[in-house]
Amino acid sequence: MTNYESAKSVFAKYGIDTEKAIETLADIPVSLHCWQGDDVNGFDHEGPLTGGIQTTGHYLGKARNPEELMADLEKVISLVPGKKKINVHACYAIFEKGEHVDRDKIEPRHFKKWVDFAKKYGMGLDFNPTFFSHPMAKSGLTLSSPNKKVRDFWIAHGKACIKISEYFARETGIPCVMNIWTGDGLKDIPADRMTPRLRYKESIDEILSDYDKNLVKPCVESKVFGIGVESYTVGSAEFALSYAAQKGCLPLMDNGHYHPTEVVSDKIPALLCFFPEIALHVTRPVRWDSDHVVLFDDETKEIAKEIVRNDAINRVYIALDYFDASINRIAAWTVGARNMQKALLFALLQPNTKLKALQESGNYTELLVLQEEAKTLPFGEVWNEYLKRQNIPADNWFDIVKEYENTVLVNRK
């Protein structure tokens, strides 16, 4: 009997079908973010990352152009199991030599290479307008700016991104999740919290005034605060959630965008009571939205559990969002993506039906006992079997990353 067969029999005693778990996991799409590979720089500007976010570290080998970024992403794809999408920010437009188009004028043709890349791997594409790292975002206000010229620029950018999202969906045959997030806010205590939000609402209304609902899944994402906008965020949780509920788009929750004592895992079932679909950015906050690499930790597991045990696999769009420049970027990408897969498998291997029944019957003692017993079931053997069936390396994957660093990344100066 193999290790997997032994583990399979153990799980069966708890009413858990490991074969079904493996089969289900292989078909859950997780969107890999392109911006881990180059520290959120993109290709449409040469300035620093600005707008309430920050990347720290100077590890060697940062991707400097589309070819390097896509090569790095290919390496990650070869090391991560499961169904994938690619999540692209608008600042990753790819221009022909000598061409430059500002963000209010970008077109689908500037993202053709991303479509070609996605088609190569049979993947869908997700998209994000880039409302930061731009001269028109210097004030800290974009869609909520009192300056109509600034607002109109960013509205035009948002509308352009809608067209690009539709293009992604038509070309890949997979709906595109397009997420609207801005770092709009103020450094110090505002005199008027409402007026910027009214402008913000009107701007998003205009961006979403015309799109194909069969092709694009628009989202609005909230945040607590950012660097330089510590006192007031226009797109707060209350604003984003209310907007999505009223306008029929998706609320997107990033688990780094709330107060440290809040957990997104608890918010998922609350939103599923009211929204047909929701979206997530899975990250790891350390005291704030620090975008550390996702771990196989308690909150990541709880997020996955809420998706699985509420039969919401087809109702929740999962995307990753972290960017660590202090360690090997390929390894960072791979660790976080594999951990999301681990968390989903862990959730699929829980005795969810029995646990729910114990709670409903008020048998809290046995519920506690079973919850704790489930933590030490032979999950690792099922994970290794999943990797084997996906033709993904298990124990030696980091050796592959080190070889890539020593032969490719080290030459990037």
Protein backbone atom coordinates (compact mmCIF):
# COMPACT_ATOMS: atom_id res chain seq x y z
CA MET A 1 0.00 0.00 0.00
CA THR A 2 1.37 3.43 -0.97
CA ASN A 3 1.45 6.38 1.40
CA TYR A 4 -1.41 7.95 -0.54
CA GLU A 5 -3.54 4.78 -0.40
CA SER A 6 -2.99 4.63 3.34
CA ALA A 7 -4.00 8.28 3.74
CA LYS A 8 -7.01 7.72 1.51
CA SER A 9 -8.26 4.98 3.84
CA VAL A 10 -7.79 7.20 6.89
CA PHE A 11 -9.80 10.02 5.36
CA ALA A 12 -12.48 7.55 4.28
CA LYS A 13 -13.10 6.71 7.95
CA TYR A 14 -14.21 10.33 8.35
CA GLY A 15 -16.42 10.20 5.25
CA ILE A 16 -13.96 12.15 3.12
CA ASP A 17 -13.33 11.18 -0.51
CA THR A 18 -9.75 12.16 -1.36
CA GLU A 19 -10.26 11.38 -5.05
CA LYS A 20 -13.14 13.82 -5.25
CA ALA A 21 -11.08 16.44 -3.39
CA ILE A 22 -8.20 16.11 -5.85
CA GLU A 23 -10.53 16.26 -8.83
CA THR A 24 -12.36 19.32 -7.48
CA LEU A 25 -9.17 21.22 -6.63
CA ALA A 26 -7.74 20.70 -10.12
CA ASP A 27 -10.65 22.72 -11.55
CA ILE A 28 -10.64 25.73 -9.16
CA PRO A 29 -9.07 28.69 -10.98
CA VAL A 30 -6.67 30.91 -9.02
CA SER A 31 -5.51 34.14 -10.65
CA LEU A 32 -1.73 34.68 -10.55
CA HIS A 33 -0.76 38.35 -10.34
CA CYS A 34 1.83 39.50 -12.84
CA TRP A 35 3.18 42.26 -10.57
CA GLN A 36 5.12 40.01 -8.16
CA GLY A 37 7.79 39.64 -10.86
CA ASP A 38 8.83 43.28 -11.14
CA ASP A 39 7.75 44.94 -7.88
CA VAL A 40 4.60 46.51 -9.40
CA ASN A 41 6.61 48.72 -11.74
CA GLY A 42 4.89 47.90 -15.02
CA PHE A 43 6.03 49.02 -18.46
CA ASP A 44 4.36 52.40 -19.00
CA HIS A 45 6.50 54.60 -16.76
CA GLU A 46 9.99 54.82 -15.30
CA GLY A 47 9.19 56.51 -11.99
CA PRO A 48 8.82 54.99 -8.54
CA LEU A 49 5.83 53.08 -7.17
CA THR A 50 3.48 55.66 -5.62
CA GLY A 51 -0.12 55.91 -4.50
CA GLY A 52 -0.37 54.45 -1.01
CA ILE A 53 1.46 51.17 -1.67
CA GLN A 54 5.08 50.15 -1.33
CA THR A 55 7.45 47.35 -2.29
CA THR A 56 10.52 46.77 -0.12
CA GLY A 57 13.73 44.90 -0.87
CA HIS A 58 16.37 44.73 -3.60
CA TYR A 59 16.83 41.04 -4.36
CA LEU A 60 18.59 40.35 -7.64
CA GLY A 61 16.79 39.40 -10.83
CA LYS A 62 13.81 41.72 -11.09
CA ALA A 63 12.10 41.45 -14.47
CA ARG A 64 12.91 44.52 -16.57
CA ASN A 65 10.73 44.01 -19.63
CA PRO A 66 7.78 41.95 -20.89
CA GLU A 67 9.96 39.13 -22.16
CA GLU A 68 11.67 38.64 -18.79
CA LEU A 69 8.43 38.95 -16.84
CA MET A 70 6.68 36.37 -18.98
CA ALA A 71 9.65 34.01 -18.82
CA ASP A 72 9.58 34.25 -15.01
CA LEU A 73 5.84 33.69 -14.98
CA GLU A 74 6.27 30.60 -17.16
CA LYS A 75 8.70 29.22 -14.62
CA VAL A 76 6.15 29.79 -11.84
CA ILE A 77 3.40 28.13 -13.87
CA SER A 78 5.60 25.04 -14.22
CA LEU A 79 5.91 24.84 -10.42
CA VAL A 80 2.31 25.53 -9.36
CA PRO A 81 -0.48 22.96 -9.73
CA GLY A 82 -4.12 23.60 -10.59
CA LYS A 83 -6.16 25.74 -12.93
CA LYS A 84 -4.89 29.28 -13.35
CA LYS A 85 -5.68 32.71 -14.70
CA ILE A 86 -3.29 35.63 -15.14
CA ASN A 87 -4.08 38.93 -13.44
CA VAL A 88 -2.71 41.98 -15.27
CA HIS A 89 -2.54 45.65 -14.26
CA ALA A 90 -3.05 48.34 -16.89
CA CYS A 91 0.50 49.63 -16.34
CA TYR A 92 1.70 46.40 -17.98
CA ALA A 93 0.64 47.61 -21.43
CA ILE A 94 3.20 46.51 -24.01
CA PHE A 95 4.03 49.17 -26.59
CA GLU A 96 5.82 48.83 -29.89
CA LYS A 97 9.31 50.31 -30.02
CA GLY A 98 9.14 54.10 -29.95
CA GLU A 99 5.45 54.17 -29.05
CA HIS A 100 3.97 55.45 -25.81
CA VAL A 101 0.29 55.90 -25.04
CA ASP A 102 -0.97 57.47 -21.83
CA ARG A 103 -3.38 55.51 -19.68
CA ASP A 104 -6.49 57.27 -20.88
CA LYS A 105 -5.72 56.11 -24.43
CA ILE A 106 -4.63 52.47 -23.97
CA GLU A 107 -6.25 49.95 -26.30
CA PRO A 108 -6.68 46.17 -26.54
CA ARG A 109 -3.78 45.98 -29.01
CA HIS A 110 -1.40 47.02 -26.23
CA PHE A 111 -2.26 43.80 -24.42
CA LYS A 112 -2.18 41.35 -27.32
CA LYS A 113 1.00 39.71 -26.02
CA TRP A 114 -0.76 39.00 -22.73
CA VAL A 115 -3.61 37.39 -24.65
CA ASP A 116 -1.13 35.31 -26.65
CA PHE A 117 0.55 34.25 -23.41
CA ALA A 118 -2.75 33.26 -21.81
CA LYS A 119 -3.86 31.32 -24.88
CA LYS A 120 -0.60 29.40 -24.88
CA TYR A 121 -1.56 27.94 -21.50
CA GLY A 122 -5.33 27.84 -21.99
CA MET A 123 -5.88 30.41 -19.27
CA GLY A 124 -8.20 33.35 -18.75
CA LEU A 125 -7.11 36.90 -17.95
CA ASP A 126 -8.21 39.27 -15.20
CA PHE A 127 -7.55 43.02 -15.28
CA ASN A 128 -7.02 46.07 -13.09
CA PRO A 129 -7.00 49.76 -14.05
CA THR A 130 -3.85 51.36 -12.60
CA PHE A 131 -4.81 54.44 -10.60
CA PHE A 132 -1.33 55.00 -9.11
CA SER A 133 2.28 55.73 -10.12
CA HIS A 134 1.26 58.50 -12.50
CA PRO A 135 1.55 62.33 -12.55
CA MET A 136 -2.25 62.63 -12.57
CA ALA A 137 -2.35 60.79 -9.23
CA LYS A 138 0.15 63.01 -7.41
CA SER A 139 -2.49 64.76 -5.31
CA GLY A 140 -3.60 61.46 -3.78
CA LEU A 141 -7.00 61.80 -5.49
CA THR A 142 -8.01 60.32 -8.85
CA LEU A 143 -11.66 59.40 -9.42
CA SER A 144 -12.63 61.54 -6.42
CA SER A 145 -10.50 64.58 -7.32
CA PRO A 146 -12.17 68.01 -7.18
CA ASN A 147 -10.28 68.74 -10.42
CA LYS A 148 -12.57 67.70 -13.27
CA LYS A 149 -9.64 67.35 -15.67
CA VAL A 150 -8.07 64.79 -13.34
CA ARG A 151 -11.34 62.93 -12.86
CA ASP A 152 -12.03 62.87 -16.59
CA PHE A 153 -8.56 61.45 -17.28
CA TRP A 154 -9.08 58.58 -14.88
CA ILE A 155 -12.65 57.95 -16.02
CA ALA A 156 -11.31 57.64 -19.57
CA HIS A 157 -8.69 55.21 -18.25
CA GLY A 158 -11.39 53.14 -16.56
CA LYS A 159 -13.49 53.04 -19.72
CA ALA A 160 -10.46 51.99 -21.76
CA CYS A 161 -9.89 49.18 -19.26
CA ILE A 162 -13.48 47.99 -19.72
CA LYS A 163 -12.82 47.60 -23.45
CA ILE A 164 -9.59 45.73 -22.76
CA SER A 165 -11.38 43.44 -20.29
CA GLU A 166 -14.02 42.64 -22.92
CA TYR A 167 -11.20 41.88 -25.36
CA PHE A 168 -9.59 39.51 -22.87
CA ALA A 169 -12.85 37.63 -22.39
CA ARG A 170 -13.66 37.39 -26.09
CA GLU A 171 -10.19 36.12 -26.94
CA THR A 172 -9.87 33.57 -24.13
CA GLY A 173 -13.51 32.54 -23.85
CA ILE A 174 -13.34 33.14 -20.08
CA PRO A 175 -15.01 36.11 -18.31
CA CYS A 176 -12.60 38.79 -17.12
CA VAL A 177 -12.76 40.01 -13.52
CA MET A 178 -11.95 43.73 -13.67
CA ASN A 179 -11.17 45.28 -10.32
CA ILE A 180 -11.44 48.99 -9.53
CA TRP A 181 -9.20 50.09 -6.67
CA THR A 182 -7.76 53.53 -6.06
CA GLY A 183 -5.62 54.86 -3.23
CA ASP A 184 -7.72 58.03 -3.03
CA GLY A 185 -7.57 59.65 0.38
CA LEU A 186 -6.06 62.33 2.58
CA LYS A 187 -3.03 62.41 4.84
CA ASP A 188 -4.71 64.39 7.62
CA ILE A 189 -8.18 64.80 9.08
CA PRO A 190 -10.64 65.84 6.35
CA ALA A 191 -13.14 68.69 6.63
CA ASP A 192 -15.52 66.93 4.23
CA ARG A 193 -15.70 63.17 3.97
CA MET A 194 -18.83 62.97 1.85
CA THR A 195 -18.20 65.14 -1.22
CA PRO A 196 -15.15 63.14 -2.43
CA ARG A 197 -17.20 59.97 -2.08
CA LEU A 198 -20.02 61.42 -4.13
CA ARG A 199 -17.54 62.29 -6.89
CA TYR A 200 -16.01 58.81 -6.57
CA LYS A 201 -19.45 57.22 -6.97
CA GLU A 202 -20.26 59.32 -10.04
CA SER A 203 -16.90 58.48 -11.62
CA ILE A 204 -17.34 54.72 -11.15
CA ASP A 205 -20.90 55.03 -12.45
CA GLU A 206 -19.53 56.52 -15.65
CA ILE A 207 -16.83 53.86 -16.02
CA LEU A 208 -19.42 51.10 -15.64
CA SER A 209 -22.09 52.77 -17.76
CA ASP A 210 -21.51 50.49 -20.74
CA TYR A 211 -20.06 46.98 -20.66
CA ASP A 212 -20.97 43.44 -21.67
CA LYS A 213 -22.04 41.63 -18.49
CA ASN A 214 -21.38 38.28 -20.14
CA LEU A 215 -17.74 39.21 -20.64
CA VAL A 216 -16.74 41.43 -17.71
CA LYS A 217 -17.17 40.95 -13.96
CA PRO A 218 -16.48 44.45 -12.54
CA CYS A 219 -15.45 44.71 -8.89
CA VAL A 220 -14.93 47.52 -6.40
CA GLU A 221 -12.23 47.06 -3.76
CA SER A 222 -11.93 48.91 -0.46
CA LYS A 223 -9.00 49.73 1.80
CA VAL A 224 -8.44 51.11 5.30
CA PHE A 225 -5.52 53.42 4.53
CA GLY A 226 -2.30 53.75 2.57
CA ILE A 227 1.02 55.55 2.76
CA GLY A 228 0.31 59.29 2.56
CA VAL A 229 -3.44 58.78 2.99
CA GLU A 230 -3.44 57.65 6.60
CA SER A 231 -6.43 59.62 7.89
CA TYR A 232 -9.10 59.14 5.25
CA THR A 233 -9.77 56.65 2.47
CA VAL A 234 -12.49 57.56 -0.02
CA GLY A 235 -13.16 53.96 -1.06
CA SER A 236 -13.77 52.61 2.44
CA ALA A 237 -15.26 49.18 3.14
CA GLU A 238 -18.69 50.70 3.71
CA PHE A 239 -18.52 52.63 0.47
CA ALA A 240 -17.34 49.72 -1.69
CA LEU A 241 -19.81 47.25 -0.21
CA SER A 242 -22.73 49.65 -0.56
CA TYR A 243 -21.76 50.53 -4.11
CA ALA A 244 -21.51 46.89 -5.17
CA ALA A 245 -24.85 46.06 -3.54
CA GLN A 246 -26.65 48.95 -5.20
CA LYS A 247 -25.04 48.72 -8.63
CA GLY A 248 -24.98 44.95 -9.06
CA CYS A 249 -21.24 44.54 -9.42
CA LEU A 250 -18.94 42.43 -7.26
CA PRO A 251 -17.42 43.43 -3.93
CA LEU A 252 -13.73 42.53 -3.84
CA MET A 253 -12.15 41.88 -0.46
CA ASP A 254 -8.38 42.00 -0.02
CA ASN A 255 -7.55 40.47 3.36
CA GLY A 256 -4.89 43.13 3.90
CA HIS A 257 -7.37 45.98 3.49
CA TYR A 258 -9.09 45.85 6.87
CA HIS A 259 -8.25 46.63 10.47
CA PRO A 260 -5.83 44.09 11.99
CA THR A 261 -8.53 42.51 14.17
CA GLU A 262 -10.88 41.89 11.21
CA VAL A 263 -10.74 38.67 9.20
CA VAL A 264 -12.02 38.25 5.66
CA SER A 265 -12.87 34.60 6.32
CA ASP A 266 -15.77 35.74 8.49
CA LYS A 267 -16.90 38.28 5.88
CA ILE A 268 -17.10 35.74 3.04
CA PRO A 269 -20.24 33.90 4.28
CA ALA A 270 -21.84 37.21 5.25
CA LEU A 271 -21.49 38.55 1.70
CA LEU A 272 -22.56 35.25 0.15
CA CYS A 273 -25.93 35.71 1.85
CA PHE A 274 -26.56 38.71 -0.41
CA PHE A 275 -24.25 38.59 -3.45
CA PRO A 276 -24.44 35.96 -6.20
CA GLU A 277 -20.67 36.30 -6.66
CA ILE A 278 -17.78 37.92 -4.81
CA ALA A 279 -14.06 38.34 -5.45
CA LEU A 280 -10.95 38.04 -3.29
CA HIS A 281 -7.35 39.20 -3.28
CA VAL A 282 -5.49 36.83 -1.00
CA THR A 283 -2.40 38.29 0.62
CA ARG A 284 -0.70 38.34 4.03
CA PRO A 285 -0.81 41.58 6.00
CA VAL A 286 1.74 42.16 8.76
CA ARG A 287 0.26 44.96 10.90
CA TRP A 288 -1.00 46.64 7.75
CA ASP A 289 -1.43 45.93 4.04
CA SER A 290 2.19 44.83 3.71
CA ASP A 291 1.52 42.28 0.93
CA HIS A 292 3.77 39.59 2.37
CA VAL A 293 3.85 36.20 0.63
CA VAL A 294 0.78 34.07 1.37
CA LEU A 295 1.44 31.31 3.91
CA PHE A 296 -0.35 28.06 4.68
CA ASP A 297 -1.54 29.77 7.84
CA ASP A 298 -4.77 29.85 9.83
CA GLU A 299 -6.47 32.72 8.00
CA THR A 300 -5.62 31.39 4.54
CA LYS A 301 -7.07 28.02 5.60
CA GLU A 302 -10.18 29.69 7.01
CA ILE A 303 -10.71 31.67 3.79
CA ALA A 304 -10.53 28.42 1.81
CA LYS A 305 -12.82 26.63 4.27
CA GLU A 306 -15.53 29.26 3.92
CA ILE A 307 -15.40 28.98 0.13
CA VAL A 308 -15.58 25.18 0.17
CA ARG A 309 -18.04 24.45 2.97
CA ASN A 310 -20.53 27.01 1.69
CA ASP A 311 -20.51 25.43 -1.78
CA ALA A 312 -19.17 28.72 -3.15
CA ILE A 313 -16.36 27.45 -5.38
CA ASN A 314 -18.23 28.75 -8.43
CA ARG A 315 -19.27 31.97 -6.69
CA VAL A 316 -15.92 33.26 -5.44
CA TYR A 317 -13.20 34.57 -7.77
CA ILE A 318 -9.82 33.94 -6.12
CA ALA A 319 -6.80 36.06 -7.02
CA LEU A 320 -3.43 36.48 -5.32
CA ASP A 321 -1.90 39.85 -4.44
CA TYR A 322 1.52 40.16 -2.83
CA PHE A 323 4.89 41.55 -3.88
CA ASP A 324 8.04 40.82 -1.92
CA ALA A 325 11.26 42.21 -3.37
CA SER A 326 13.43 41.05 -0.47
CA ILE A 327 13.56 37.40 -1.58
CA ASN A 328 13.76 35.49 -4.85
CA ARG A 329 10.65 36.64 -6.70
CA ILE A 330 10.06 33.30 -8.45
CA ALA A 331 10.15 31.53 -5.09
CA ALA A 332 7.83 34.14 -3.55
CA TRP A 333 5.33 33.73 -6.40
CA THR A 334 5.49 29.94 -6.15
CA VAL A 335 5.26 29.66 -2.36
CA GLY A 336 2.16 31.87 -2.19
CA ALA A 337 0.40 30.19 -5.10
CA ARG A 338 1.13 26.68 -3.80
CA ASN A 339 -0.08 27.69 -0.35
CA MET A 340 -3.40 28.87 -1.77
CA GLN A 341 -3.72 25.48 -3.43
CA LYS A 342 -2.80 23.75 -0.15
CA ALA A 343 -5.43 25.74 1.73
CA LEU A 344 -8.12 24.79 -0.79
CA LEU A 345 -7.15 21.12 -0.61
CA PHE A 346 -7.11 21.26 3.19
CA ALA A 347 -10.64 22.70 3.09
CA LEU A 348 -11.80 20.00 0.68
CA LEU A 349 -10.45 17.34 3.06
CA GLN A 350 -12.44 18.51 6.06
CA PRO A 351 -15.48 16.51 7.31
CA ASN A 352 -17.62 19.56 6.56
CA THR A 353 -21.00 17.83 6.50
CA LYS A 354 -20.42 16.19 9.88
CA LEU A 355 -19.05 19.39 11.39
CA LYS A 356 -22.09 21.39 10.28
CA ALA A 357 -24.44 18.73 11.66
CA LEU A 358 -22.72 18.80 15.05
CA GLN A 359 -23.06 22.58 15.22
CA GLU A 360 -26.73 22.49 14.21
CA SER A 361 -27.49 19.87 16.86
CA GLY A 362 -25.70 21.85 19.54
CA ASN A 363 -23.12 19.12 20.10
CA TYR A 364 -20.27 21.55 20.65
CA THR A 365 -18.04 19.14 22.54
CA GLU A 366 -17.88 16.62 19.70
CA LEU A 367 -17.61 19.52 17.25
CA LEU A 368 -14.47 20.76 19.00
CA VAL A 369 -13.01 17.28 19.19
CA LEU A 370 -13.58 16.58 15.48
CA GLN A 371 -12.27 19.98 14.43
CA GLU A 372 -9.04 19.27 16.29
CA GLU A 373 -8.75 15.68 15.05
CA ALA A 374 -9.12 16.85 11.46
CA LYS A 375 -6.04 19.06 11.81
CA THR A 376 -3.70 16.06 11.99
CA LEU A 377 -5.20 13.86 9.28
CA PRO A 378 -2.53 12.86 6.69
CA PHE A 379 -3.08 15.87 4.45
CA GLY A 380 0.52 15.90 3.19
CA GLU A 381 0.18 12.54 1.44
CA VAL A 382 -2.85 13.74 -0.49
CA TRP A 383 -1.04 16.96 -1.42
CA ASN A 384 1.91 14.97 -2.78
CA GLU A 385 -0.44 12.76 -4.79
CA TYR A 386 -2.11 15.88 -6.21
CA LEU A 387 1.27 17.29 -7.27
CA LYS A 388 2.18 13.95 -8.88
CA ARG A 389 -1.01 13.88 -10.93
CA GLN A 390 -0.46 17.49 -11.97
CA ASN A 391 3.11 16.68 -13.08
CA ILE A 392 4.39 19.33 -10.69
CA PRO A 393 7.62 18.82 -8.69
CA ALA A 394 7.11 18.22 -4.98
CA ASP A 395 10.30 18.22 -2.90
CA ASN A 396 12.86 19.57 -5.36
CA TRP A 397 11.02 22.58 -6.77
CA PHE A 398 13.28 25.07 -5.00
CA ASP A 399 16.34 23.49 -6.64
CA ILE A 400 14.74 24.39 -9.96
CA VAL A 401 14.28 27.98 -8.77
CA LYS A 402 17.91 28.20 -7.60
CA GLU A 403 19.13 26.91 -10.94
CA TYR A 404 17.01 29.53 -12.71
CA GLU A 405 18.48 32.22 -10.45
CA ASN A 406 22.05 31.07 -11.11
CA THR A 407 21.62 30.85 -14.88
CA VAL A 408 19.06 33.58 -15.67
CA LEU A 409 18.31 36.02 -12.84
CA VAL A 410 21.94 36.62 -11.92
CA ASN A 411 22.55 38.15 -15.36
CA ARG A 412 19.99 40.91 -14.82
CA LYS A 413 21.92 43.94 -13.64
